[in-house]
Amino acid sequence: MNFRFVLRLAIFFVGIWSIIIVALSLLGEPFLFFPSDSNTALFPPLYRYETLRLTFFSLFAYFSLQQVFVPEKKYSAAQIVTITLFFLGYIGAIKIIPEGHLGKETGVLVTIIIFAAVFYFSSRPEIKKIFGRR
């Protein structure tokens, strides 16, 4: 077998595994657990750690499946930051609302979404022409 095919197959299965982890965690059945229980007073709270973990797995799934199906696609640094912030904002909202912490975390979520929008619109070619070197 071709070595590249084996690597793409491994990347594909690890991406599917990441999707399963995120789906199970968002449905309330965490597949991988933190070594802390809910009685432990942590700062930042446990739901923030869970949000970061699910964001990492979501990004891994997204980019691994992109690598398998569209390997020629290239990303700029601003696009990667935008994708990361959008995943962080969406998963943060999905995890925070059921926990009942939306009132405390609204400012954080709005800030993440604003920064993601700024990075998204600033990476567009039309905007780069305006602020680029002449």
N, C-alpha and C. Protein backbone atom coordinates (compact mmCIF):
# COMPACT_ATOMS: atom_id res chain seq x y z
N MET A 1 0.84 -1.20 0.00
CA MET A 1 0.00 0.00 0.00
C MET A 1 0.88 1.25 0.00
N ASN A 2 0.32 2.26 -0.55
CA ASN A 2 1.01 3.54 -0.60
C ASN A 2 1.05 4.14 0.81
N PHE A 3 2.21 4.68 1.19
CA PHE A 3 2.39 5.24 2.52
C PHE A 3 1.49 6.45 2.74
N ARG A 4 1.34 7.29 1.72
CA ARG A 4 0.46 8.46 1.85
C ARG A 4 -0.99 8.06 2.06
N PHE A 5 -1.42 7.00 1.39
CA PHE A 5 -2.79 6.53 1.56
C PHE A 5 -3.02 6.06 3.00
N VAL A 6 -2.05 5.36 3.56
CA VAL A 6 -2.17 4.89 4.95
C VAL A 6 -2.23 6.08 5.91
N LEU A 7 -1.40 7.08 5.66
CA LEU A 7 -1.44 8.27 6.52
C LEU A 7 -2.76 9.02 6.40
N ARG A 8 -3.27 9.15 5.19
CA ARG A 8 -4.58 9.81 5.00
C ARG A 8 -5.70 9.03 5.67
N LEU A 9 -5.62 7.72 5.59
CA LEU A 9 -6.62 6.88 6.25
C LEU A 9 -6.55 7.05 7.76
N ALA A 10 -5.35 7.11 8.32
CA ALA A 10 -5.19 7.32 9.76
C ALA A 10 -5.71 8.70 10.16
N ILE A 11 -5.41 9.73 9.37
CA ILE A 11 -5.91 11.08 9.66
C ILE A 11 -7.43 11.10 9.59
N PHE A 12 -8.00 10.41 8.62
CA PHE A 12 -9.45 10.36 8.49
C PHE A 12 -10.09 9.73 9.73
N PHE A 13 -9.56 8.59 10.19
CA PHE A 13 -10.15 7.92 11.34
C PHE A 13 -9.96 8.71 12.64
N VAL A 14 -8.85 9.39 12.77
CA VAL A 14 -8.66 10.23 13.96
C VAL A 14 -9.60 11.42 13.91
N GLY A 15 -9.87 11.97 12.73
CA GLY A 15 -10.85 13.05 12.60
C GLY A 15 -12.25 12.59 12.97
N ILE A 16 -12.63 11.38 12.52
CA ILE A 16 -13.93 10.82 12.89
C ILE A 16 -14.01 10.58 14.39
N TRP A 17 -12.92 10.10 14.97
CA TRP A 17 -12.85 9.89 16.43
C TRP A 17 -13.06 11.21 17.16
N SER A 18 -12.47 12.29 16.66
CA SER A 18 -12.65 13.60 17.29
C SER A 18 -14.09 14.06 17.19
N ILE A 19 -14.74 13.81 16.06
CA ILE A 19 -16.15 14.17 15.92
C ILE A 19 -17.01 13.41 16.92
N ILE A 20 -16.71 12.13 17.11
CA ILE A 20 -17.47 11.32 18.08
C ILE A 20 -17.28 11.86 19.49
N ILE A 21 -16.06 12.24 19.85
CA ILE A 21 -15.80 12.79 21.18
C ILE A 21 -16.59 14.07 21.40
N VAL A 22 -16.58 14.97 20.41
CA VAL A 22 -17.30 16.23 20.54
C VAL A 22 -18.81 15.99 20.62
N ALA A 23 -19.32 15.12 19.76
CA ALA A 23 -20.76 14.85 19.76
C ALA A 23 -21.21 14.24 21.08
N LEU A 24 -20.46 13.27 21.59
CA LEU A 24 -20.84 12.66 22.87
C LEU A 24 -20.77 13.66 24.01
N SER A 25 -19.76 14.51 24.01
CA SER A 25 -19.63 15.50 25.09
C SER A 25 -20.74 16.54 25.02
N LEU A 26 -21.11 16.96 23.81
CA LEU A 26 -22.18 17.94 23.70
C LEU A 26 -23.54 17.35 24.02
N LEU A 27 -23.69 16.04 23.85
CA LEU A 27 -24.94 15.38 24.19
C LEU A 27 -25.02 14.99 25.67
N GLY A 28 -23.97 15.26 26.42
CA GLY A 28 -24.00 15.02 27.85
C GLY A 28 -23.34 13.74 28.31
N GLU A 29 -22.74 13.00 27.43
CA GLU A 29 -22.04 11.77 27.79
C GLU A 29 -20.57 11.92 27.44
N PRO A 30 -19.78 12.54 28.32
CA PRO A 30 -18.37 12.77 27.97
C PRO A 30 -17.62 11.46 27.76
N PHE A 31 -16.87 11.42 26.70
CA PHE A 31 -16.11 10.22 26.33
C PHE A 31 -14.77 10.20 27.05
N LEU A 32 -14.15 11.37 27.14
CA LEU A 32 -12.89 11.51 27.88
C LEU A 32 -13.17 12.43 29.06
N PHE A 33 -12.72 12.05 30.22
CA PHE A 33 -13.06 12.78 31.43
C PHE A 33 -11.88 13.59 31.93
N PHE A 34 -12.18 14.66 32.65
CA PHE A 34 -11.16 15.38 33.37
C PHE A 34 -10.96 14.70 34.71
N PRO A 35 -9.76 14.75 35.26
CA PRO A 35 -9.52 14.09 36.54
C PRO A 35 -10.05 14.87 37.74
N SER A 36 -11.02 15.72 37.53
CA SER A 36 -11.58 16.53 38.60
C SER A 36 -13.08 16.29 38.65
N ASP A 37 -13.63 16.32 39.85
CA ASP A 37 -15.08 16.20 39.97
C ASP A 37 -15.69 17.60 40.07
N SER A 38 -17.00 17.66 40.05
CA SER A 38 -17.67 18.96 40.06
C SER A 38 -17.62 19.63 41.42
N ASN A 39 -17.20 18.93 42.46
CA ASN A 39 -17.12 19.53 43.79
C ASN A 39 -15.83 20.31 43.99
N THR A 40 -14.86 20.11 43.14
CA THR A 40 -13.59 20.80 43.27
C THR A 40 -13.74 22.24 42.79
N ALA A 41 -13.28 23.18 43.59
CA ALA A 41 -13.35 24.59 43.21
C ALA A 41 -12.15 24.90 42.32
N LEU A 42 -12.39 25.08 41.06
CA LEU A 42 -11.33 25.37 40.10
C LEU A 42 -11.48 26.79 39.58
N PHE A 43 -10.37 27.40 39.29
CA PHE A 43 -10.41 28.65 38.54
C PHE A 43 -9.45 28.51 37.39
N PRO A 44 -9.84 28.64 36.19
CA PRO A 44 -11.19 28.81 35.67
C PRO A 44 -12.06 27.60 35.93
N PRO A 45 -13.37 27.78 35.89
CA PRO A 45 -14.29 26.68 36.17
C PRO A 45 -14.16 25.53 35.16
N LEU A 46 -14.70 24.40 35.54
CA LEU A 46 -14.56 23.18 34.74
C LEU A 46 -15.19 23.31 33.36
N TYR A 47 -16.30 24.05 33.23
CA TYR A 47 -16.94 24.16 31.92
C TYR A 47 -16.06 24.93 30.94
N ARG A 48 -15.18 25.82 31.43
CA ARG A 48 -14.25 26.49 30.52
C ARG A 48 -13.18 25.53 30.01
N TYR A 49 -12.69 24.66 30.90
CA TYR A 49 -11.74 23.64 30.45
C TYR A 49 -12.39 22.72 29.42
N GLU A 50 -13.63 22.36 29.67
CA GLU A 50 -14.35 21.50 28.75
C GLU A 50 -14.54 22.19 27.40
N THR A 51 -14.81 23.48 27.41
CA THR A 51 -14.96 24.25 26.18
C THR A 51 -13.66 24.26 25.39
N LEU A 52 -12.54 24.48 26.05
CA LEU A 52 -11.25 24.46 25.36
C LEU A 52 -10.94 23.07 24.80
N ARG A 53 -11.24 22.04 25.54
CA ARG A 53 -10.99 20.68 25.08
C ARG A 53 -11.83 20.36 23.85
N LEU A 54 -13.10 20.70 23.90
CA LEU A 54 -13.96 20.43 22.75
C LEU A 54 -13.60 21.30 21.55
N THR A 55 -13.13 22.51 21.79
CA THR A 55 -12.67 23.36 20.69
C THR A 55 -11.46 22.73 20.02
N PHE A 56 -10.53 22.22 20.82
CA PHE A 56 -9.35 21.56 20.25
C PHE A 56 -9.76 20.36 19.40
N PHE A 57 -10.63 19.51 19.93
CA PHE A 57 -11.07 18.34 19.17
C PHE A 57 -11.85 18.73 17.92
N SER A 58 -12.66 19.78 18.00
CA SER A 58 -13.40 20.24 16.82
C SER A 58 -12.45 20.76 15.74
N LEU A 59 -11.46 21.53 16.16
CA LEU A 59 -10.47 22.01 15.20
C LEU A 59 -9.70 20.87 14.57
N PHE A 60 -9.34 19.90 15.39
CA PHE A 60 -8.62 18.75 14.86
C PHE A 60 -9.46 18.00 13.85
N ALA A 61 -10.73 17.81 14.16
CA ALA A 61 -11.63 17.13 13.22
C ALA A 61 -11.79 17.93 11.93
N TYR A 62 -11.99 19.23 12.05
CA TYR A 62 -12.19 20.08 10.88
C TYR A 62 -10.96 20.06 9.97
N PHE A 63 -9.78 20.31 10.54
CA PHE A 63 -8.58 20.38 9.71
C PHE A 63 -8.13 19.01 9.22
N SER A 64 -8.37 17.96 9.98
CA SER A 64 -7.99 16.62 9.49
C SER A 64 -8.88 16.20 8.32
N LEU A 65 -10.17 16.48 8.41
CA LEU A 65 -11.05 16.13 7.29
C LEU A 65 -10.80 17.04 6.08
N GLN A 66 -10.42 18.28 6.32
CA GLN A 66 -10.01 19.15 5.22
C GLN A 66 -8.76 18.60 4.54
N GLN A 67 -7.82 18.10 5.34
CA GLN A 67 -6.58 17.55 4.79
C GLN A 67 -6.86 16.30 3.96
N VAL A 68 -7.83 15.50 4.38
CA VAL A 68 -8.13 14.27 3.65
C VAL A 68 -8.88 14.57 2.35
N PHE A 69 -9.90 15.42 2.41
CA PHE A 69 -10.76 15.62 1.26
C PHE A 69 -10.34 16.77 0.34
N VAL A 70 -9.71 17.81 0.90
CA VAL A 70 -9.27 18.96 0.10
C VAL A 70 -7.83 19.30 0.49
N PRO A 71 -6.87 18.46 0.13
CA PRO A 71 -5.49 18.69 0.60
C PRO A 71 -4.82 19.91 -0.01
N GLU A 72 -5.33 20.41 -1.13
CA GLU A 72 -4.70 21.56 -1.77
C GLU A 72 -5.12 22.89 -1.16
N LYS A 73 -6.10 22.88 -0.26
CA LYS A 73 -6.59 24.12 0.33
C LYS A 73 -5.57 24.65 1.33
N LYS A 74 -5.26 25.93 1.19
CA LYS A 74 -4.29 26.59 2.07
C LYS A 74 -5.02 27.64 2.91
N TYR A 75 -4.55 27.83 4.13
CA TYR A 75 -5.16 28.79 5.05
C TYR A 75 -4.13 29.84 5.44
N SER A 76 -4.60 31.07 5.58
CA SER A 76 -3.74 32.12 6.13
C SER A 76 -3.85 32.07 7.65
N ALA A 77 -2.97 32.79 8.30
CA ALA A 77 -2.99 32.83 9.77
C ALA A 77 -4.29 33.44 10.28
N ALA A 78 -4.79 34.47 9.60
CA ALA A 78 -6.04 35.10 10.01
C ALA A 78 -7.21 34.15 9.87
N GLN A 79 -7.21 33.32 8.84
CA GLN A 79 -8.29 32.35 8.68
C GLN A 79 -8.26 31.30 9.78
N ILE A 80 -7.08 30.86 10.16
CA ILE A 80 -6.97 29.87 11.24
C ILE A 80 -7.44 30.47 12.56
N VAL A 81 -7.05 31.70 12.83
CA VAL A 81 -7.50 32.37 14.06
C VAL A 81 -9.01 32.54 14.05
N THR A 82 -9.56 32.92 12.89
CA THR A 82 -11.01 33.10 12.78
C THR A 82 -11.75 31.79 13.02
N ILE A 83 -11.30 30.72 12.39
CA ILE A 83 -11.94 29.42 12.58
C ILE A 83 -11.85 28.99 14.03
N THR A 84 -10.70 29.20 14.66
CA THR A 84 -10.54 28.85 16.07
C THR A 84 -11.49 29.64 16.96
N LEU A 85 -11.58 30.94 16.72
CA LEU A 85 -12.46 31.77 17.55
C LEU A 85 -13.93 31.44 17.33
N PHE A 86 -14.31 31.15 16.10
CA PHE A 86 -15.71 30.76 15.86
C PHE A 86 -16.04 29.44 16.56
N PHE A 87 -15.15 28.46 16.47
CA PHE A 87 -15.38 27.21 17.20
C PHE A 87 -15.44 27.46 18.70
N LEU A 88 -14.54 28.29 19.21
CA LEU A 88 -14.53 28.58 20.65
C LEU A 88 -15.83 29.28 21.06
N GLY A 89 -16.30 30.22 20.26
CA GLY A 89 -17.55 30.92 20.57
C GLY A 89 -18.76 30.01 20.53
N TYR A 90 -18.87 29.21 19.47
CA TYR A 90 -20.03 28.32 19.35
C TYR A 90 -20.05 27.26 20.43
N ILE A 91 -18.94 26.60 20.62
CA ILE A 91 -18.90 25.54 21.64
C ILE A 91 -19.03 26.14 23.03
N GLY A 92 -18.44 27.32 23.23
CA GLY A 92 -18.61 27.99 24.52
C GLY A 92 -20.07 28.29 24.81
N ALA A 93 -20.79 28.77 23.80
CA ALA A 93 -22.22 29.05 23.99
C ALA A 93 -23.00 27.76 24.26
N ILE A 94 -22.67 26.71 23.53
CA ILE A 94 -23.38 25.44 23.71
C ILE A 94 -23.12 24.86 25.10
N LYS A 95 -21.91 25.03 25.62
CA LYS A 95 -21.59 24.48 26.94
C LYS A 95 -22.05 25.39 28.09
N ILE A 96 -22.05 26.69 27.87
CA ILE A 96 -22.36 27.63 28.96
C ILE A 96 -23.85 27.75 29.21
N ILE A 97 -24.66 27.73 28.17
CA ILE A 97 -26.11 27.93 28.33
C ILE A 97 -26.73 26.85 29.23
N PRO A 98 -26.46 25.55 29.01
CA PRO A 98 -27.06 24.56 29.92
C PRO A 98 -26.51 24.63 31.35
N GLU A 99 -25.29 25.11 31.50
CA GLU A 99 -24.71 25.23 32.84
C GLU A 99 -25.35 26.36 33.65
N GLY A 100 -26.01 27.30 32.97
CA GLY A 100 -26.66 28.41 33.64
C GLY A 100 -25.74 29.58 33.93
N HIS A 101 -24.62 29.67 33.22
CA HIS A 101 -23.65 30.74 33.44
C HIS A 101 -23.67 31.79 32.34
N LEU A 102 -24.73 31.85 31.58
CA LEU A 102 -24.78 32.76 30.45
C LEU A 102 -24.67 34.22 30.89
N GLY A 103 -25.26 34.56 32.02
CA GLY A 103 -25.19 35.93 32.51
C GLY A 103 -23.77 36.38 32.79
N LYS A 104 -22.96 35.48 33.38
CA LYS A 104 -21.58 35.83 33.69
C LYS A 104 -20.68 35.81 32.47
N GLU A 105 -20.99 34.97 31.51
CA GLU A 105 -20.10 34.73 30.38
C GLU A 105 -20.51 35.44 29.10
N THR A 106 -21.54 36.25 29.13
CA THR A 106 -22.01 36.93 27.91
C THR A 106 -20.93 37.84 27.35
N GLY A 107 -20.26 38.58 28.19
CA GLY A 107 -19.21 39.48 27.74
C GLY A 107 -18.07 38.75 27.05
N VAL A 108 -17.69 37.60 27.60
CA VAL A 108 -16.62 36.80 27.01
C VAL A 108 -17.03 36.28 25.64
N LEU A 109 -18.26 35.75 25.54
CA LEU A 109 -18.73 35.22 24.27
C LEU A 109 -18.86 36.30 23.21
N VAL A 110 -19.39 37.45 23.58
CA VAL A 110 -19.54 38.54 22.62
C VAL A 110 -18.16 39.03 22.16
N THR A 111 -17.21 39.11 23.08
CA THR A 111 -15.85 39.52 22.71
C THR A 111 -15.21 38.54 21.74
N ILE A 112 -15.38 37.24 21.98
CA ILE A 112 -14.83 36.23 21.09
C ILE A 112 -15.45 36.36 19.70
N ILE A 113 -16.75 36.54 19.63
CA ILE A 113 -17.43 36.65 18.34
C ILE A 113 -17.02 37.93 17.61
N ILE A 114 -16.84 39.03 18.35
CA ILE A 114 -16.40 40.29 17.72
C ILE A 114 -14.99 40.13 17.15
N PHE A 115 -14.08 39.54 17.92
CA PHE A 115 -12.71 39.33 17.43
C PHE A 115 -12.70 38.40 16.21
N ALA A 116 -13.54 37.36 16.24
CA ALA A 116 -13.61 36.45 15.08
C ALA A 116 -14.10 37.20 13.85
N ALA A 117 -15.10 38.04 14.03
CA ALA A 117 -15.61 38.81 12.88
C ALA A 117 -14.57 39.79 12.36
N VAL A 118 -13.83 40.43 13.26
CA VAL A 118 -12.78 41.36 12.84
C VAL A 118 -11.70 40.62 12.06
N PHE A 119 -11.25 39.48 12.56
CA PHE A 119 -10.24 38.70 11.83
C PHE A 119 -10.78 38.22 10.49
N TYR A 120 -12.04 37.81 10.46
CA TYR A 120 -12.63 37.32 9.22
C TYR A 120 -12.67 38.43 8.16
N PHE A 121 -13.19 39.58 8.53
CA PHE A 121 -13.33 40.65 7.55
C PHE A 121 -11.99 41.30 7.20
N SER A 122 -11.03 41.27 8.13
CA SER A 122 -9.73 41.88 7.82
C SER A 122 -8.88 40.98 6.93
N SER A 123 -9.21 39.71 6.81
CA SER A 123 -8.43 38.81 5.96
C SER A 123 -8.96 38.76 4.54
N ARG A 124 -10.02 39.48 4.24
CA ARG A 124 -10.58 39.49 2.88
C ARG A 124 -9.68 40.29 1.96
N PRO A 125 -9.58 39.88 0.71
CA PRO A 125 -8.67 40.58 -0.23
C PRO A 125 -9.02 42.05 -0.45
N GLU A 126 -10.31 42.39 -0.41
CA GLU A 126 -10.68 43.79 -0.63
C GLU A 126 -10.13 44.68 0.48
N ILE A 127 -10.17 44.19 1.70
CA ILE A 127 -9.68 44.96 2.83
C ILE A 127 -8.16 45.02 2.80
N LYS A 128 -7.51 43.92 2.40
CA LYS A 128 -6.05 43.92 2.31
C LYS A 128 -5.56 44.95 1.31
N LYS A 129 -6.32 45.17 0.24
CA LYS A 129 -5.92 46.17 -0.76
C LYS A 129 -5.98 47.58 -0.18
N ILE A 130 -6.95 47.84 0.68
CA ILE A 130 -7.10 49.17 1.27
C ILE A 130 -5.94 49.47 2.21
N PHE A 131 -5.59 48.49 3.07
CA PHE A 131 -4.57 48.74 4.08
C PHE A 131 -3.19 48.19 3.70
N GLY A 132 -3.06 47.65 2.49
CA GLY A 132 -1.78 47.11 2.05
C GLY A 132 -0.81 48.19 1.66
N ARG A 133 0.41 47.78 1.40
CA ARG A 133 1.45 48.72 0.95
C ARG A 133 1.16 49.12 -0.49
N ARG A 134 1.53 50.30 -0.80
CA ARG A 134 1.29 50.82 -2.16
C ARG A 134 2.56 50.82 -2.96
